[in-house]
C-alpha atoms as a PDB file:
ATOM      1  CA  MET A   1       9.569  -3.261 -20.201  1.00  0.00           C
ATOM      2  CA  ASN A   2       9.820  -2.369 -16.536  1.00  0.00           C
ATOM      3  CA  ASN A   3      13.017  -1.649 -14.651  1.00  0.00           C
ATOM      4  CA  ILE A   4      14.024  -1.988 -10.995  1.00  0.00           C
ATOM      5  CA  GLN A   5      16.870   0.376 -10.092  1.00  0.00           C
ATOM      6  CA  PRO A   6      18.364  -0.631  -6.737  1.00  0.00           C
ATOM      7  CA  GLY A   7      20.437   1.687  -4.644  1.00  0.00           C
ATOM      8  CA  PRO A   8      23.064   0.569  -2.151  1.00  0.00           C
ATOM      9  CA  VAL A   9      22.056  -2.976  -1.168  1.00  0.00           C
ATOM     10  CA  GLU A  10      23.475  -4.755   1.865  1.00  0.00           C
ATOM     11  CA  THR A  11      25.256  -7.935   0.779  1.00  0.00           C
ATOM     12  CA  ASP A  12      28.260  -9.929   1.969  1.00  0.00           C
ATOM     13  CA  MET A  13      30.419  -7.995  -0.482  1.00  0.00           C
ATOM     14  CA  ASN A  14      28.766  -4.650   0.303  1.00  0.00           C
ATOM     15  CA  PRO A  15      28.094  -4.609   4.065  1.00  0.00           C
ATOM     16  CA  ASP A  16      26.420  -1.603   5.612  1.00  0.00           C
ATOM     17  CA  SER A  17      28.943  -1.409   8.457  1.00  0.00           C
ATOM     18  CA  THR A  18      32.034  -0.079   6.668  1.00  0.00           C
ATOM     19  CA  PRO A  19      33.328   3.511   6.661  1.00  0.00           C
ATOM     20  CA  PHE A  20      32.315   3.779   2.993  1.00  0.00           C
ATOM     21  CA  ALA A  21      28.795   2.604   3.846  1.00  0.00           C
ATOM     22  CA  GLU A  22      28.519   5.238   6.562  1.00  0.00           C
ATOM     23  CA  SER A  23      29.268   7.953   3.997  1.00  0.00           C
ATOM     24  CA  MET A  24      26.701   6.456   1.596  1.00  0.00           C
ATOM     25  CA  LYS A  25      24.015   6.441   4.287  1.00  0.00           C
ATOM     26  CA  GLN A  26      24.421  10.199   4.603  1.00  0.00           C
ATOM     27  CA  LEU A  27      23.175  10.466   1.001  1.00  0.00           C
ATOM     28  CA  MET A  28      20.090   8.301   1.569  1.00  0.00           C
ATOM     29  CA  ALA A  29      16.824   9.803   2.794  1.00  0.00           C
ATOM     30  CA  LEU A  30      15.861   6.705   4.808  1.00  0.00           C
ATOM     31  CA  GLY A  31      19.343   5.929   6.146  1.00  0.00           C
ATOM     32  CA  PRO A  32      19.875   2.169   6.129  1.00  0.00           C
ATOM     33  CA  TYR A  33      20.972   0.223   3.078  1.00  0.00           C
ATOM     34  CA  VAL A  34      18.334  -1.519   0.990  1.00  0.00           C
ATOM     35  CA  GLN A  35      17.881  -5.185   1.888  1.00  0.00           C
ATOM     36  CA  PRO A  36      17.688  -7.910  -0.772  1.00  0.00           C
ATOM     37  CA  ALA A  37      14.107  -8.618   0.344  1.00  0.00           C
ATOM     38  CA  ASP A  38      13.181  -5.023  -0.596  1.00  0.00           C
ATOM     39  CA  ILE A  39      14.333  -5.640  -4.168  1.00  0.00           C
ATOM     40  CA  ALA A  40      12.556  -8.997  -4.251  1.00  0.00           C
ATOM     41  CA  GLY A  41       9.319  -7.382  -3.111  1.00  0.00           C
ATOM     42  CA  ALA A  42       9.400  -4.839  -5.933  1.00  0.00           C
ATOM     43  CA  VAL A  43      10.167  -7.543  -8.497  1.00  0.00           C
ATOM     44  CA  ALA A  44       7.350  -9.737  -7.170  1.00  0.00           C
ATOM     45  CA  CYS A  45       4.927  -6.835  -7.385  1.00  0.00           C
ATOM     46  CA  LEU A  46       5.816  -6.047 -11.007  1.00  0.00           C
ATOM     47  CA  ALA A  47       5.827  -9.729 -11.974  1.00  0.00           C
ATOM     48  CA  GLY A  48       2.452 -10.442 -10.379  1.00  0.00           C
ATOM     49  CA  PRO A  49      -0.894 -10.521 -12.144  1.00  0.00           C
ATOM     50  CA  GLU A  50      -1.974  -7.254 -10.512  1.00  0.00           C
ATOM     51  CA  ALA A  51       0.671  -5.404 -12.529  1.00  0.00           C
ATOM     52  CA  HIS A  52      -0.344  -6.700 -15.957  1.00  0.00           C
ATOM     53  CA  CYS A  53      -1.070  -3.155 -17.187  1.00  0.00           C
ATOM     54  CA  ILE A  54       2.058  -1.519 -15.759  1.00  0.00           C
ATOM     55  CA  THR A  55       4.558  -0.888 -18.542  1.00  0.00           C
ATOM     56  CA  GLY A  56       7.615   1.271 -19.016  1.00  0.00           C
ATOM     57  CA  VAL A  57       8.255   2.111 -15.369  1.00  0.00           C
ATOM     58  CA  ASN A  58      11.556   2.660 -13.612  1.00  0.00           C
ATOM     59  CA  TRP A  59      11.233   1.919  -9.911  1.00  0.00           C
ATOM     60  CA  ASP A  60      13.976   3.244  -7.663  1.00  0.00           C
ATOM     61  CA  VAL A  61      14.324   0.865  -4.724  1.00  0.00           C
ATOM     62  CA  ASP A  62      17.087   2.803  -3.070  1.00  0.00           C
ATOM     63  CA  GLY A  63      16.051   4.118   0.329  1.00  0.00           C
ATOM     64  CA  GLY A  64      15.898   7.644  -1.063  1.00  0.00           C
ATOM     65  CA  TYR A  65      19.385   7.640  -2.581  1.00  0.00           C
ATOM     66  CA  ALA A  66      18.249   9.060  -5.937  1.00  0.00           C
ATOM     67  CA  VAL A  67      16.147  11.842  -4.404  1.00  0.00           C
END
C-alpha cells in the first residue's frame, strides 16, 4: 500500500491568503500552499503502470512542510 501525505492544500475552506495561512507558509520550505493539482499528480504517478513495482511508500506532497 502506498500513501500520499498532503501538507497545507489551498482550497475554498483553506485559502492561502488568511493570517493563519501566512504563519503556516513560514513553516514550509517552498512557501506557497500545495495546490490540488500537485496532489493529483502524485496520485496519478503512483496509480500509473510505471509505478507497478512501487510499494509501501509514503510520499509527502507538502511543499517542504514536513522537513
